[in-house]
Amino acid sequence: MKLVSTVDRDYVTFLDELVTMDETIVSLNTRESKKMSEQWVKKGQPGPIKARVYTSLNKIMVLEIFHSKGLIYSNFVQRDT
């Protein structure tokens, strides 16, 4: 039989009550492959003009708060808030 000291029990209790937070930036931009962007164009005609996508404008921040038993809270934060 293994004896557990008071310090060990307090440490385990501390870890069970620990709450932590993480923040991550998620990109909402799905890049278009060369194959996906192909189009038929009449011979001698120029191809379509593609707009440049700025990936920094299509991101949101995700905030998550965790407990030892799992996720407590999650929030999506919009740009400039």
N, C-alpha and C. Protein backbone atom coordinates (compact mmCIF):
# COMPACT_ATOMS: atom_id res chain seq x y z
N MET A 1 0.84 -1.17 0.00
CA MET A 1 0.00 0.00 0.00
C MET A 1 0.89 1.24 0.00
N LYS A 2 0.60 2.17 -0.90
CA LYS A 2 1.41 3.37 -1.04
C LYS A 2 0.81 4.49 -0.19
N LEU A 3 1.66 5.12 0.60
CA LEU A 3 1.22 6.23 1.42
C LEU A 3 1.39 7.53 0.63
N VAL A 4 0.39 8.37 0.65
CA VAL A 4 0.45 9.65 -0.05
C VAL A 4 0.56 10.74 0.99
N SER A 5 1.60 11.56 0.86
CA SER A 5 1.80 12.62 1.84
C SER A 5 0.83 13.77 1.61
N THR A 6 0.71 14.64 2.57
CA THR A 6 -0.17 15.82 2.46
C THR A 6 0.29 16.72 1.32
N VAL A 7 1.61 16.84 1.12
CA VAL A 7 2.15 17.68 0.06
C VAL A 7 1.71 17.13 -1.30
N ASP A 8 1.78 15.80 -1.48
CA ASP A 8 1.36 15.19 -2.74
C ASP A 8 -0.13 15.43 -2.99
N ARG A 9 -0.95 15.28 -1.96
CA ARG A 9 -2.39 15.51 -2.11
C ARG A 9 -2.68 16.96 -2.43
N ASP A 10 -1.97 17.88 -1.79
CA ASP A 10 -2.17 19.31 -2.07
C ASP A 10 -1.76 19.64 -3.50
N TYR A 11 -0.69 19.04 -3.98
CA TYR A 11 -0.22 19.29 -5.34
C TYR A 11 -1.25 18.79 -6.36
N VAL A 12 -1.79 17.60 -6.14
CA VAL A 12 -2.80 17.04 -7.04
C VAL A 12 -4.06 17.91 -7.00
N THR A 13 -4.46 18.36 -5.83
CA THR A 13 -5.62 19.24 -5.70
C THR A 13 -5.38 20.55 -6.44
N PHE A 14 -4.17 21.08 -6.33
CA PHE A 14 -3.82 22.31 -7.03
C PHE A 14 -3.93 22.13 -8.54
N LEU A 15 -3.43 21.02 -9.07
CA LEU A 15 -3.50 20.77 -10.51
C LEU A 15 -4.95 20.57 -10.97
N ASP A 16 -5.79 19.96 -10.12
CA ASP A 16 -7.20 19.78 -10.48
C ASP A 16 -7.94 21.10 -10.56
N GLU A 17 -7.51 22.09 -9.79
CA GLU A 17 -8.20 23.39 -9.76
C GLU A 17 -7.59 24.41 -10.71
N LEU A 18 -6.50 24.07 -11.36
CA LEU A 18 -5.80 24.99 -12.24
C LEU A 18 -6.64 25.33 -13.48
N VAL A 19 -6.72 26.61 -13.80
CA VAL A 19 -7.42 27.09 -15.00
C VAL A 19 -6.40 27.87 -15.82
N THR A 20 -6.37 27.61 -17.12
CA THR A 20 -5.42 28.29 -17.99
C THR A 20 -6.11 28.78 -19.25
N MET A 21 -5.48 29.74 -19.92
CA MET A 21 -6.07 30.33 -21.12
C MET A 21 -5.08 30.26 -22.28
N ASP A 22 -5.62 30.13 -23.49
CA ASP A 22 -4.79 30.12 -24.69
C ASP A 22 -5.46 31.00 -25.72
N GLU A 23 -4.65 31.70 -26.50
CA GLU A 23 -5.19 32.49 -27.61
C GLU A 23 -4.47 32.09 -28.89
N THR A 24 -5.22 31.97 -29.96
CA THR A 24 -4.70 31.54 -31.24
C THR A 24 -5.30 32.39 -32.35
N ILE A 25 -4.51 32.71 -33.35
CA ILE A 25 -5.02 33.44 -34.50
C ILE A 25 -5.33 32.42 -35.59
N VAL A 26 -6.55 32.50 -36.13
CA VAL A 26 -7.03 31.58 -37.15
C VAL A 26 -7.22 32.34 -38.44
N SER A 27 -6.66 31.81 -39.52
CA SER A 27 -6.82 32.44 -40.84
C SER A 27 -8.10 31.94 -41.48
N LEU A 28 -8.90 32.87 -41.99
CA LEU A 28 -10.16 32.52 -42.66
C LEU A 28 -9.99 32.43 -44.16
N ASN A 29 -8.77 32.59 -44.64
CA ASN A 29 -8.51 32.61 -46.07
C ASN A 29 -8.16 31.20 -46.55
N THR A 30 -8.89 30.73 -47.56
CA THR A 30 -8.57 29.45 -48.19
C THR A 30 -7.92 29.76 -49.52
N ARG A 31 -6.67 29.39 -49.65
CA ARG A 31 -5.95 29.69 -50.88
C ARG A 31 -6.51 28.87 -52.04
N GLU A 32 -6.57 29.52 -53.20
CA GLU A 32 -7.06 28.86 -54.40
C GLU A 32 -5.86 28.28 -55.14
N SER A 33 -5.94 27.00 -55.46
CA SER A 33 -4.84 26.36 -56.17
C SER A 33 -4.86 26.79 -57.64
N LYS A 34 -3.77 26.53 -58.34
CA LYS A 34 -3.69 26.88 -59.76
C LYS A 34 -4.76 26.14 -60.55
N LYS A 35 -4.99 24.89 -60.22
CA LYS A 35 -6.01 24.08 -60.91
C LYS A 35 -7.41 24.65 -60.66
N MET A 36 -7.68 25.10 -59.44
CA MET A 36 -8.99 25.64 -59.11
C MET A 36 -9.28 26.95 -59.84
N SER A 37 -8.24 27.72 -60.15
CA SER A 37 -8.45 29.03 -60.76
C SER A 37 -8.40 29.01 -62.29
N GLU A 38 -8.27 27.82 -62.89
CA GLU A 38 -8.22 27.75 -64.35
C GLU A 38 -9.56 28.16 -64.96
N GLN A 39 -9.49 28.88 -66.10
CA GLN A 39 -10.69 29.28 -66.83
C GLN A 39 -10.42 29.17 -68.33
N TRP A 40 -11.49 28.92 -69.09
CA TRP A 40 -11.38 28.92 -70.54
C TRP A 40 -11.40 30.36 -71.03
N VAL A 41 -10.46 30.69 -71.93
CA VAL A 41 -10.38 32.03 -72.51
C VAL A 41 -10.23 31.87 -74.01
N LYS A 42 -10.91 32.73 -74.78
CA LYS A 42 -10.79 32.67 -76.24
C LYS A 42 -9.35 32.95 -76.65
N LYS A 43 -8.94 32.33 -77.72
CA LYS A 43 -7.57 32.47 -78.22
C LYS A 43 -7.27 33.95 -78.50
N GLY A 44 -6.16 34.43 -77.98
CA GLY A 44 -5.74 35.81 -78.17
C GLY A 44 -6.30 36.78 -77.13
N GLN A 45 -7.24 36.34 -76.30
CA GLN A 45 -7.82 37.20 -75.27
C GLN A 45 -7.00 37.08 -73.97
N PRO A 46 -6.89 38.18 -73.23
CA PRO A 46 -6.15 38.10 -71.96
C PRO A 46 -6.97 37.35 -70.91
N GLY A 47 -6.29 36.75 -70.00
CA GLY A 47 -6.96 36.05 -68.92
C GLY A 47 -7.57 37.03 -67.92
N PRO A 48 -8.36 36.53 -66.98
CA PRO A 48 -9.00 37.41 -66.01
C PRO A 48 -7.96 38.00 -65.05
N ILE A 49 -8.27 39.19 -64.55
CA ILE A 49 -7.40 39.84 -63.57
C ILE A 49 -7.82 39.36 -62.19
N LYS A 50 -6.86 38.87 -61.45
CA LYS A 50 -7.15 38.36 -60.12
C LYS A 50 -6.76 39.39 -59.08
N ALA A 51 -7.62 39.57 -58.10
CA ALA A 51 -7.33 40.50 -57.00
C ALA A 51 -6.34 39.86 -56.04
N ARG A 52 -5.49 40.67 -55.49
CA ARG A 52 -4.54 40.18 -54.50
C ARG A 52 -5.26 40.02 -53.17
N VAL A 53 -5.04 38.89 -52.52
CA VAL A 53 -5.67 38.61 -51.23
C VAL A 53 -4.66 38.90 -50.13
N TYR A 54 -5.06 39.75 -49.20
CA TYR A 54 -4.20 40.06 -48.05
C TYR A 54 -4.65 39.19 -46.89
N THR A 55 -3.83 38.21 -46.56
CA THR A 55 -4.23 37.25 -45.53
C THR A 55 -4.34 37.87 -44.15
N SER A 56 -3.61 38.96 -43.90
CA SER A 56 -3.67 39.56 -42.57
C SER A 56 -5.04 40.16 -42.28
N LEU A 57 -5.84 40.43 -43.30
CA LEU A 57 -7.16 41.01 -43.10
C LEU A 57 -8.22 39.94 -42.82
N ASN A 58 -7.91 38.70 -43.08
CA ASN A 58 -8.88 37.62 -42.93
C ASN A 58 -8.54 36.70 -41.77
N LYS A 59 -8.24 37.27 -40.63
CA LYS A 59 -7.89 36.48 -39.45
C LYS A 59 -8.76 36.90 -38.27
N ILE A 60 -9.04 35.94 -37.40
CA ILE A 60 -9.70 36.25 -36.14
C ILE A 60 -8.93 35.57 -35.02
N MET A 61 -9.10 36.08 -33.82
CA MET A 61 -8.44 35.49 -32.66
C MET A 61 -9.44 34.62 -31.91
N VAL A 62 -9.00 33.45 -31.49
CA VAL A 62 -9.83 32.54 -30.71
C VAL A 62 -9.24 32.47 -29.31
N LEU A 63 -10.07 32.78 -28.31
CA LEU A 63 -9.66 32.70 -26.91
C LEU A 63 -10.32 31.47 -26.29
N GLU A 64 -9.54 30.68 -25.57
CA GLU A 64 -10.06 29.47 -24.95
C GLU A 64 -9.56 29.36 -23.51
N ILE A 65 -10.47 29.00 -22.61
CA ILE A 65 -10.11 28.81 -21.20
C ILE A 65 -10.36 27.35 -20.86
N PHE A 66 -9.33 26.70 -20.28
CA PHE A 66 -9.36 25.27 -20.00
C PHE A 66 -9.26 25.00 -18.51
N HIS A 67 -9.82 23.88 -18.13
CA HIS A 67 -9.74 23.33 -16.79
C HIS A 67 -9.22 21.90 -16.96
N SER A 68 -8.86 21.23 -15.89
CA SER A 68 -8.34 19.86 -16.03
C SER A 68 -9.36 18.90 -16.62
N LYS A 69 -10.64 19.23 -16.53
CA LYS A 69 -11.69 18.37 -17.07
C LYS A 69 -12.09 18.74 -18.49
N GLY A 70 -11.52 19.82 -19.05
CA GLY A 70 -11.83 20.17 -20.43
C GLY A 70 -12.03 21.66 -20.64
N LEU A 71 -12.65 21.99 -21.77
CA LEU A 71 -12.87 23.38 -22.18
C LEU A 71 -13.96 24.01 -21.33
N ILE A 72 -13.68 25.22 -20.81
CA ILE A 72 -14.67 25.96 -20.02
C ILE A 72 -15.35 27.00 -20.89
N TYR A 73 -14.57 27.75 -21.68
CA TYR A 73 -15.10 28.88 -22.42
C TYR A 73 -14.29 29.09 -23.70
N SER A 74 -14.98 29.46 -24.77
CA SER A 74 -14.32 29.76 -26.03
C SER A 74 -14.99 30.98 -26.64
N ASN A 75 -14.19 31.89 -27.22
CA ASN A 75 -14.73 33.11 -27.79
C ASN A 75 -13.95 33.48 -29.05
N PHE A 76 -14.67 33.91 -30.08
CA PHE A 76 -14.06 34.39 -31.31
C PHE A 76 -14.05 35.91 -31.25
N VAL A 77 -12.87 36.53 -31.36
CA VAL A 77 -12.73 37.97 -31.25
C VAL A 77 -12.51 38.53 -32.65
N GLN A 78 -13.40 39.44 -33.06
CA GLN A 78 -13.29 40.05 -34.38
C GLN A 78 -12.14 41.05 -34.41
N ARG A 79 -11.69 41.38 -35.59
CA ARG A 79 -10.60 42.33 -35.78
C ARG A 79 -10.96 43.71 -35.19
N ASP A 80 -9.97 44.38 -34.63
CA ASP A 80 -10.11 45.72 -34.05
C ASP A 80 -11.08 45.80 -32.88
N THR A 81 -11.20 44.72 -32.11
CA THR A 81 -12.02 44.77 -30.89
C THR A 81 -11.19 44.43 -29.68
